[in-house]
Amino acid sequence: MATCAVKGGCPSDYVALSISLLSIIMLLAKATAPYLIHKIPRPKGSSFWLAAIQVFASLNLLLSIV
């Protein structure tokens, strides 16, 4: 394990980072797709903020794991 840090990182680190980045991109795409495709109005109530907080919390969780 110490040799991986000296060389610049283990291959498993790069795999974990790429999976987390792909997950973030897919999460953001899933959150914005209905608004881009159907041009539906953005909800003004608490439902919008619940989804926004969920996206932010998921991003925080992924970054804390990696």
N, C-alpha and C. Protein backbone atom coordinates (compact mmCIF):
# COMPACT_ATOMS: atom_id res chain seq x y z
N MET A 1 0.81 -1.19 0.00
CA MET A 1 0.00 0.00 0.00
C MET A 1 0.86 1.26 0.00
N ALA A 2 1.98 1.24 0.70
CA ALA A 2 2.82 2.43 0.75
C ALA A 2 3.44 2.71 -0.60
N THR A 3 3.71 1.67 -1.38
CA THR A 3 4.30 1.90 -2.70
C THR A 3 3.31 2.54 -3.65
N CYS A 4 2.03 2.28 -3.48
CA CYS A 4 1.02 2.91 -4.33
C CYS A 4 1.01 4.42 -4.13
N ALA A 5 1.14 4.85 -2.89
CA ALA A 5 1.12 6.29 -2.61
C ALA A 5 2.34 6.98 -3.20
N VAL A 6 3.47 6.29 -3.21
CA VAL A 6 4.70 6.87 -3.77
C VAL A 6 4.59 6.97 -5.28
N LYS A 7 3.98 5.99 -5.93
CA LYS A 7 3.87 5.96 -7.39
C LYS A 7 2.78 6.89 -7.91
N GLY A 8 1.88 7.33 -7.08
CA GLY A 8 0.82 8.23 -7.54
C GLY A 8 -0.57 7.67 -7.36
N GLY A 9 -0.71 6.54 -6.76
CA GLY A 9 -2.04 6.00 -6.49
C GLY A 9 -2.20 4.58 -7.01
N CYS A 10 -2.99 3.81 -6.31
CA CYS A 10 -3.27 2.43 -6.73
C CYS A 10 -4.32 2.44 -7.84
N PRO A 11 -4.35 1.39 -8.66
CA PRO A 11 -5.39 1.31 -9.69
C PRO A 11 -6.80 1.30 -9.10
N SER A 12 -6.95 0.72 -7.92
CA SER A 12 -8.28 0.70 -7.31
C SER A 12 -8.75 2.11 -6.94
N ASP A 13 -7.82 3.00 -6.61
CA ASP A 13 -8.19 4.38 -6.32
C ASP A 13 -8.77 5.05 -7.55
N TYR A 14 -8.15 4.81 -8.70
CA TYR A 14 -8.64 5.42 -9.94
C TYR A 14 -9.99 4.84 -10.34
N VAL A 15 -10.20 3.57 -10.10
CA VAL A 15 -11.49 2.95 -10.39
C VAL A 15 -12.58 3.55 -9.49
N ALA A 16 -12.28 3.69 -8.22
CA ALA A 16 -13.25 4.26 -7.28
C ALA A 16 -13.57 5.70 -7.64
N LEU A 17 -12.57 6.46 -8.02
CA LEU A 17 -12.80 7.85 -8.40
C LEU A 17 -13.63 7.96 -9.67
N SER A 18 -13.35 7.10 -10.64
CA SER A 18 -14.12 7.15 -11.89
C SER A 18 -15.57 6.72 -11.67
N ILE A 19 -15.79 5.74 -10.81
CA ILE A 19 -17.16 5.30 -10.50
C ILE A 19 -17.91 6.42 -9.78
N SER A 20 -17.26 7.09 -8.85
CA SER A 20 -17.94 8.17 -8.12
C SER A 20 -18.24 9.35 -9.04
N LEU A 21 -17.33 9.69 -9.94
CA LEU A 21 -17.60 10.77 -10.89
C LEU A 21 -18.74 10.41 -11.83
N LEU A 22 -18.77 9.18 -12.29
CA LEU A 22 -19.85 8.73 -13.15
C LEU A 22 -21.19 8.77 -12.41
N SER A 23 -21.17 8.40 -11.14
CA SER A 23 -22.40 8.44 -10.34
C SER A 23 -22.90 9.87 -10.16
N ILE A 24 -21.98 10.79 -9.93
CA ILE A 24 -22.37 12.20 -9.77
C ILE A 24 -22.97 12.73 -11.06
N ILE A 25 -22.33 12.43 -12.19
CA ILE A 25 -22.84 12.90 -13.48
C ILE A 25 -24.21 12.32 -13.77
N MET A 26 -24.40 11.03 -13.50
CA MET A 26 -25.70 10.41 -13.74
C MET A 26 -26.77 10.97 -12.80
N LEU A 27 -26.40 11.24 -11.55
CA LEU A 27 -27.35 11.81 -10.60
C LEU A 27 -27.80 13.20 -11.03
N LEU A 28 -26.85 14.02 -11.46
CA LEU A 28 -27.21 15.37 -11.92
C LEU A 28 -28.02 15.32 -13.21
N ALA A 29 -27.69 14.38 -14.10
CA ALA A 29 -28.45 14.25 -15.34
C ALA A 29 -29.88 13.80 -15.05
N LYS A 30 -30.03 12.88 -14.11
CA LYS A 30 -31.37 12.40 -13.76
C LYS A 30 -32.19 13.51 -13.09
N ALA A 31 -31.52 14.37 -12.34
CA ALA A 31 -32.24 15.45 -11.66
C ALA A 31 -32.66 16.55 -12.62
N THR A 32 -31.88 16.79 -13.67
CA THR A 32 -32.19 17.90 -14.58
C THR A 32 -32.91 17.47 -15.85
N ALA A 33 -32.94 16.19 -16.16
CA ALA A 33 -33.54 15.73 -17.42
C ALA A 33 -35.00 16.12 -17.60
N PRO A 34 -35.86 15.98 -16.60
CA PRO A 34 -37.27 16.37 -16.82
C PRO A 34 -37.43 17.84 -17.16
N TYR A 35 -36.60 18.68 -16.59
CA TYR A 35 -36.70 20.12 -16.84
C TYR A 35 -36.17 20.48 -18.23
N LEU A 36 -35.20 19.72 -18.73
CA LEU A 36 -34.64 20.02 -20.04
C LEU A 36 -35.50 19.44 -21.17
N ILE A 37 -36.06 18.26 -20.95
CA ILE A 37 -36.82 17.59 -22.01
C ILE A 37 -38.23 18.14 -22.11
N HIS A 38 -38.95 18.19 -21.00
CA HIS A 38 -40.37 18.54 -21.02
C HIS A 38 -40.64 20.01 -20.79
N LYS A 39 -39.63 20.77 -20.42
CA LYS A 39 -39.78 22.21 -20.15
C LYS A 39 -40.87 22.48 -19.12
N ILE A 40 -40.92 21.61 -18.11
CA ILE A 40 -41.92 21.81 -17.06
C ILE A 40 -41.46 22.92 -16.12
N PRO A 41 -42.38 23.65 -15.54
CA PRO A 41 -41.98 24.73 -14.63
C PRO A 41 -41.37 24.16 -13.35
N ARG A 42 -40.41 24.86 -12.83
CA ARG A 42 -39.76 24.42 -11.60
C ARG A 42 -40.71 24.62 -10.43
N PRO A 43 -40.88 23.58 -9.60
CA PRO A 43 -41.79 23.72 -8.47
C PRO A 43 -41.25 24.73 -7.46
N LYS A 44 -42.15 25.50 -6.88
CA LYS A 44 -41.74 26.52 -5.93
C LYS A 44 -41.86 26.04 -4.48
N GLY A 45 -42.48 24.91 -4.29
CA GLY A 45 -42.71 24.42 -2.93
C GLY A 45 -41.52 23.68 -2.37
N SER A 46 -41.80 22.91 -1.35
CA SER A 46 -40.73 22.20 -0.65
C SER A 46 -40.22 21.01 -1.45
N SER A 47 -40.97 20.55 -2.44
CA SER A 47 -40.52 19.38 -3.22
C SER A 47 -39.24 19.70 -3.98
N PHE A 48 -39.08 20.92 -4.45
CA PHE A 48 -37.85 21.30 -5.14
C PHE A 48 -36.67 21.27 -4.18
N TRP A 49 -36.87 21.81 -2.99
CA TRP A 49 -35.76 21.88 -2.05
C TRP A 49 -35.39 20.51 -1.51
N LEU A 50 -36.34 19.62 -1.40
CA LEU A 50 -36.02 18.25 -0.97
C LEU A 50 -35.12 17.57 -1.99
N ALA A 51 -35.42 17.72 -3.27
CA ALA A 51 -34.58 17.13 -4.31
C ALA A 51 -33.21 17.80 -4.36
N ALA A 52 -33.17 19.10 -4.19
CA ALA A 52 -31.89 19.81 -4.21
C ALA A 52 -31.01 19.39 -3.04
N ILE A 53 -31.60 19.25 -1.88
CA ILE A 53 -30.84 18.81 -0.70
C ILE A 53 -30.36 17.38 -0.89
N GLN A 54 -31.18 16.53 -1.50
CA GLN A 54 -30.79 15.14 -1.73
C GLN A 54 -29.61 15.07 -2.69
N VAL A 55 -29.62 15.86 -3.75
CA VAL A 55 -28.49 15.87 -4.69
C VAL A 55 -27.23 16.35 -3.99
N PHE A 56 -27.35 17.41 -3.21
CA PHE A 56 -26.19 17.95 -2.50
C PHE A 56 -25.66 16.94 -1.48
N ALA A 57 -26.54 16.26 -0.76
CA ALA A 57 -26.12 15.27 0.23
C ALA A 57 -25.46 14.07 -0.44
N SER A 58 -25.96 13.65 -1.58
CA SER A 58 -25.34 12.54 -2.30
C SER A 58 -23.95 12.91 -2.77
N LEU A 59 -23.80 14.13 -3.27
CA LEU A 59 -22.49 14.60 -3.70
C LEU A 59 -21.53 14.64 -2.51
N ASN A 60 -22.01 15.13 -1.38
CA ASN A 60 -21.18 15.17 -0.17
C ASN A 60 -20.77 13.78 0.26
N LEU A 61 -21.69 12.84 0.23
CA LEU A 61 -21.39 11.47 0.64
C LEU A 61 -20.35 10.84 -0.28
N LEU A 62 -20.51 11.01 -1.58
CA LEU A 62 -19.55 10.43 -2.51
C LEU A 62 -18.16 11.03 -2.32
N LEU A 63 -18.09 12.31 -2.11
CA LEU A 63 -16.78 12.94 -1.92
C LEU A 63 -16.16 12.54 -0.59
N SER A 64 -16.95 12.30 0.43
CA SER A 64 -16.39 11.89 1.71
C SER A 64 -15.91 10.44 1.68
N ILE A 65 -16.54 9.60 0.86
CA ILE A 65 -16.11 8.21 0.75
C ILE A 65 -14.78 8.12 0.02
N VAL A 66 -14.64 8.89 -1.04
CA VAL A 66 -13.40 8.87 -1.84
C VAL A 66 -12.42 9.76 -1.17
